[in-house]
Amino acid sequence: MRTYRVCGQVPPPCDTDRGNEIIPGDRATGQLTSGSGGAAAGVITHTTDPSLSPEGPVKIVLHPSTDSISVNEYTFCGTKAPVGHCGA
C-alpha cells in the first residue's frame, strides 16, 4: 500500500513514481487462517513498513454495498465505491 513518502526524499520504504503511475512502497505477506460470511482472519508475517502494516493478527472484511474491503483499520475501494468513501 502507499506510504505517502517519496523515494529519493526519504529512505525506504517509500513510494516510487513511474511515469503517471505510483508504485506503493509497503508490502505485507501472511496467511489467512479462517473465513466466513465475507470476513477472513489471519496473520501478517512480514512487512516492509511495520508502522503502516504491523506484523500480527489481521482481519479482512468485504463490504459489497460500498465496493470496498477493510483490512484492520484501512479501507480499500473498488471502482464502484461511492465518491468520497475512500477519501478521493
N, C-alpha and C. Protein backbone atom coordinates (compact mmCIF):
# COMPACT_ATOMS: atom_id res chain seq x y z
N MET A 1 0.84 -1.17 0.00
CA MET A 1 0.00 0.00 0.00
C MET A 1 0.89 1.24 0.00
N ARG A 2 0.29 2.37 -0.25
CA ARG A 2 1.03 3.63 -0.28
C ARG A 2 1.61 3.98 1.07
N THR A 3 2.82 4.51 1.07
CA THR A 3 3.44 5.02 2.28
C THR A 3 3.28 6.54 2.37
N TYR A 4 3.04 7.17 1.22
CA TYR A 4 2.96 8.63 1.09
C TYR A 4 4.29 9.29 1.45
N ARG A 5 5.38 8.53 1.27
CA ARG A 5 6.74 9.07 1.37
C ARG A 5 7.40 8.82 0.02
N VAL A 6 8.07 9.82 -0.51
CA VAL A 6 8.62 9.75 -1.87
C VAL A 6 10.07 9.27 -1.84
N CYS A 7 10.34 8.18 -2.59
CA CYS A 7 11.71 7.67 -2.70
C CYS A 7 12.60 8.76 -3.29
N GLY A 8 13.81 8.86 -2.78
CA GLY A 8 14.73 9.91 -3.19
C GLY A 8 14.70 11.08 -2.22
N GLN A 9 13.57 11.23 -1.50
CA GLN A 9 13.46 12.27 -0.48
C GLN A 9 13.61 11.69 0.92
N VAL A 10 13.27 10.40 1.05
CA VAL A 10 13.37 9.70 2.33
C VAL A 10 13.89 8.30 2.05
N PRO A 11 14.44 7.63 3.06
CA PRO A 11 14.88 6.24 2.85
C PRO A 11 13.68 5.30 2.74
N PRO A 12 13.87 4.13 2.13
CA PRO A 12 12.79 3.14 2.03
C PRO A 12 12.33 2.68 3.42
N PRO A 13 11.09 2.25 3.52
CA PRO A 13 10.12 2.05 2.45
C PRO A 13 9.50 3.37 2.02
N CYS A 14 9.31 3.50 0.72
CA CYS A 14 8.78 4.73 0.14
C CYS A 14 8.10 4.38 -1.18
N ASP A 15 7.30 5.32 -1.69
CA ASP A 15 6.59 5.13 -2.95
C ASP A 15 7.46 5.62 -4.10
N THR A 16 7.36 4.95 -5.25
CA THR A 16 8.15 5.29 -6.43
C THR A 16 7.22 5.78 -7.54
N ASP A 17 7.65 6.80 -8.26
CA ASP A 17 6.90 7.28 -9.43
C ASP A 17 7.46 6.63 -10.67
N ARG A 18 6.57 6.14 -11.53
CA ARG A 18 6.96 5.60 -12.83
C ARG A 18 5.99 6.19 -13.85
N GLY A 19 6.41 7.28 -14.49
CA GLY A 19 5.51 7.99 -15.40
C GLY A 19 4.35 8.58 -14.60
N ASN A 20 3.12 8.21 -14.97
CA ASN A 20 1.94 8.67 -14.25
C ASN A 20 1.47 7.67 -13.21
N GLU A 21 2.28 6.66 -12.93
CA GLU A 21 1.90 5.60 -12.00
C GLU A 21 2.70 5.73 -10.71
N ILE A 22 2.03 5.52 -9.59
CA ILE A 22 2.70 5.49 -8.29
C ILE A 22 2.80 4.04 -7.86
N ILE A 23 4.01 3.59 -7.57
CA ILE A 23 4.25 2.22 -7.11
C ILE A 23 4.30 2.26 -5.59
N PRO A 24 3.31 1.66 -4.91
CA PRO A 24 3.29 1.68 -3.45
C PRO A 24 4.53 1.02 -2.85
N GLY A 25 5.02 1.55 -1.73
CA GLY A 25 6.25 1.08 -1.13
C GLY A 25 6.09 0.10 0.01
N ASP A 26 4.87 -0.08 0.53
CA ASP A 26 4.69 -1.02 1.63
C ASP A 26 4.16 -2.34 1.09
N ARG A 27 4.80 -3.41 1.50
CA ARG A 27 4.39 -4.77 1.12
C ARG A 27 4.23 -5.58 2.40
N ALA A 28 3.16 -6.36 2.47
CA ALA A 28 2.94 -7.23 3.62
C ALA A 28 2.57 -8.62 3.11
N THR A 29 3.06 -9.63 3.78
CA THR A 29 2.71 -11.01 3.44
C THR A 29 2.24 -11.70 4.71
N GLY A 30 1.49 -12.76 4.49
CA GLY A 30 0.98 -13.51 5.63
C GLY A 30 0.12 -14.66 5.18
N GLN A 31 -0.78 -15.08 6.06
CA GLN A 31 -1.62 -16.22 5.76
C GLN A 31 -3.00 -16.00 6.38
N LEU A 32 -4.03 -16.28 5.59
CA LEU A 32 -5.39 -16.26 6.12
C LEU A 32 -5.67 -17.65 6.69
N THR A 33 -6.24 -17.68 7.89
CA THR A 33 -6.45 -18.95 8.57
C THR A 33 -7.92 -19.33 8.72
N SER A 34 -8.83 -18.36 8.55
CA SER A 34 -10.25 -18.68 8.64
C SER A 34 -11.04 -17.65 7.86
N GLY A 35 -12.25 -18.04 7.46
CA GLY A 35 -13.10 -17.12 6.74
C GLY A 35 -14.54 -17.58 6.79
N SER A 36 -15.46 -16.59 6.82
CA SER A 36 -16.88 -16.90 6.85
C SER A 36 -17.67 -15.63 6.62
N GLY A 37 -18.70 -15.72 5.78
CA GLY A 37 -19.63 -14.60 5.61
C GLY A 37 -19.03 -13.29 5.20
N GLY A 38 -18.08 -13.29 4.30
CA GLY A 38 -17.49 -12.04 3.84
C GLY A 38 -16.36 -11.51 4.69
N ALA A 39 -15.90 -12.30 5.66
CA ALA A 39 -14.79 -11.88 6.51
C ALA A 39 -13.75 -12.99 6.57
N ALA A 40 -12.50 -12.59 6.74
CA ALA A 40 -11.41 -13.55 6.88
C ALA A 40 -10.46 -13.05 7.95
N ALA A 41 -9.82 -13.99 8.61
CA ALA A 41 -8.85 -13.64 9.65
C ALA A 41 -7.55 -14.39 9.38
N GLY A 42 -6.47 -13.81 9.83
CA GLY A 42 -5.17 -14.44 9.64
C GLY A 42 -4.09 -13.66 10.35
N VAL A 43 -2.89 -13.75 9.79
CA VAL A 43 -1.75 -13.11 10.43
C VAL A 43 -0.81 -12.54 9.37
N ILE A 44 -0.31 -11.33 9.60
CA ILE A 44 0.73 -10.75 8.77
C ILE A 44 2.06 -11.22 9.34
N THR A 45 2.87 -11.89 8.51
CA THR A 45 4.12 -12.47 8.99
C THR A 45 5.35 -11.67 8.60
N HIS A 46 5.22 -10.79 7.59
CA HIS A 46 6.35 -9.95 7.17
C HIS A 46 5.79 -8.68 6.56
N THR A 47 6.44 -7.56 6.84
CA THR A 47 6.03 -6.28 6.29
C THR A 47 7.25 -5.41 6.04
N THR A 48 7.18 -4.56 5.02
CA THR A 48 8.28 -3.63 4.76
C THR A 48 8.12 -2.34 5.56
N ASP A 49 6.92 -2.07 6.09
CA ASP A 49 6.69 -0.87 6.88
C ASP A 49 5.81 -1.19 8.08
N PRO A 50 6.41 -1.61 9.20
CA PRO A 50 5.62 -2.00 10.37
C PRO A 50 4.74 -0.89 10.93
N SER A 51 5.05 0.37 10.63
CA SER A 51 4.20 1.45 11.14
C SER A 51 2.86 1.48 10.40
N LEU A 52 2.82 1.02 9.15
CA LEU A 52 1.58 1.00 8.37
C LEU A 52 0.87 -0.34 8.42
N SER A 53 1.61 -1.41 8.32
CA SER A 53 1.03 -2.75 8.33
C SER A 53 1.84 -3.64 9.27
N PRO A 54 1.57 -3.53 10.57
CA PRO A 54 2.37 -4.26 11.55
C PRO A 54 2.17 -5.78 11.46
N GLU A 55 3.21 -6.52 11.81
CA GLU A 55 3.08 -7.97 11.90
C GLU A 55 2.11 -8.31 13.02
N GLY A 56 1.34 -9.39 12.81
CA GLY A 56 0.38 -9.82 13.81
C GLY A 56 -0.96 -10.10 13.19
N PRO A 57 -2.00 -10.15 14.01
CA PRO A 57 -3.34 -10.51 13.52
C PRO A 57 -3.86 -9.53 12.48
N VAL A 58 -4.63 -10.08 11.53
CA VAL A 58 -5.26 -9.25 10.51
C VAL A 58 -6.68 -9.75 10.29
N LYS A 59 -7.60 -8.81 10.10
CA LYS A 59 -8.99 -9.15 9.78
C LYS A 59 -9.36 -8.40 8.50
N ILE A 60 -9.90 -9.13 7.54
CA ILE A 60 -10.31 -8.55 6.27
C ILE A 60 -11.81 -8.75 6.13
N VAL A 61 -12.53 -7.66 5.83
CA VAL A 61 -13.98 -7.72 5.69
C VAL A 61 -14.38 -7.12 4.35
N LEU A 62 -15.21 -7.86 3.62
CA LEU A 62 -15.75 -7.41 2.33
C LEU A 62 -17.03 -6.63 2.58
N HIS A 63 -17.16 -5.46 1.92
CA HIS A 63 -18.36 -4.62 2.03
C HIS A 63 -18.93 -4.44 0.61
N PRO A 64 -19.73 -5.40 0.14
CA PRO A 64 -20.24 -5.32 -1.24
C PRO A 64 -21.05 -4.05 -1.52
N SER A 65 -21.78 -3.54 -0.54
CA SER A 65 -22.63 -2.37 -0.77
C SER A 65 -21.83 -1.11 -1.08
N THR A 66 -20.55 -1.06 -0.65
CA THR A 66 -19.70 0.10 -0.93
C THR A 66 -18.52 -0.27 -1.82
N ASP A 67 -18.52 -1.49 -2.38
CA ASP A 67 -17.43 -1.96 -3.23
C ASP A 67 -16.08 -1.69 -2.57
N SER A 68 -15.97 -2.15 -1.31
CA SER A 68 -14.73 -1.91 -0.57
C SER A 68 -14.41 -3.10 0.33
N ILE A 69 -13.17 -3.12 0.79
CA ILE A 69 -12.77 -4.06 1.82
C ILE A 69 -12.07 -3.28 2.92
N SER A 70 -12.18 -3.77 4.13
CA SER A 70 -11.41 -3.18 5.22
C SER A 70 -10.40 -4.21 5.69
N VAL A 71 -9.20 -3.73 5.91
CA VAL A 71 -8.10 -4.56 6.41
C VAL A 71 -7.61 -3.87 7.67
N ASN A 72 -7.94 -4.50 8.81
CA ASN A 72 -7.73 -3.85 10.10
C ASN A 72 -8.36 -2.47 10.05
N GLU A 73 -7.63 -1.39 10.20
CA GLU A 73 -8.26 -0.05 10.22
C GLU A 73 -8.25 0.67 8.88
N TYR A 74 -7.75 0.03 7.82
CA TYR A 74 -7.68 0.66 6.50
C TYR A 74 -8.82 0.18 5.61
N THR A 75 -9.30 1.09 4.74
CA THR A 75 -10.34 0.75 3.77
C THR A 75 -9.79 0.94 2.37
N PHE A 76 -10.04 -0.06 1.52
CA PHE A 76 -9.62 -0.02 0.13
C PHE A 76 -10.86 -0.12 -0.74
N CYS A 77 -10.96 0.78 -1.74
CA CYS A 77 -12.16 0.85 -2.56
C CYS A 77 -11.95 0.29 -3.96
N GLY A 78 -13.03 -0.28 -4.48
CA GLY A 78 -13.07 -0.70 -5.87
C GLY A 78 -13.56 0.44 -6.74
N THR A 79 -13.69 0.17 -8.01
CA THR A 79 -14.06 1.22 -8.97
C THR A 79 -15.51 1.69 -8.83
N LYS A 80 -16.36 0.92 -8.16
CA LYS A 80 -17.77 1.30 -8.00
C LYS A 80 -18.08 1.86 -6.61
N ALA A 81 -17.05 2.16 -5.83
CA ALA A 81 -17.25 2.72 -4.49
C ALA A 81 -17.84 4.12 -4.59
N PRO A 82 -18.68 4.50 -3.63
CA PRO A 82 -19.25 5.86 -3.64
C PRO A 82 -18.15 6.92 -3.57
N VAL A 83 -18.39 8.04 -4.22
CA VAL A 83 -17.43 9.15 -4.20
C VAL A 83 -17.19 9.56 -2.76
N GLY A 84 -15.92 9.69 -2.39
CA GLY A 84 -15.53 10.11 -1.06
C GLY A 84 -15.42 9.00 -0.04
N HIS A 85 -15.84 7.78 -0.39
CA HIS A 85 -15.81 6.68 0.58
C HIS A 85 -14.39 6.37 1.04
N CYS A 86 -13.45 6.44 0.12
CA CYS A 86 -12.04 6.16 0.47
C CYS A 86 -11.20 7.43 0.44
N GLY A 87 -11.84 8.56 0.59
CA GLY A 87 -11.10 9.81 0.69
C GLY A 87 -10.85 10.53 -0.61
N ALA A 88 -11.24 9.94 -1.73
CA ALA A 88 -10.99 10.62 -3.02
C ALA A 88 -12.29 10.96 -3.69
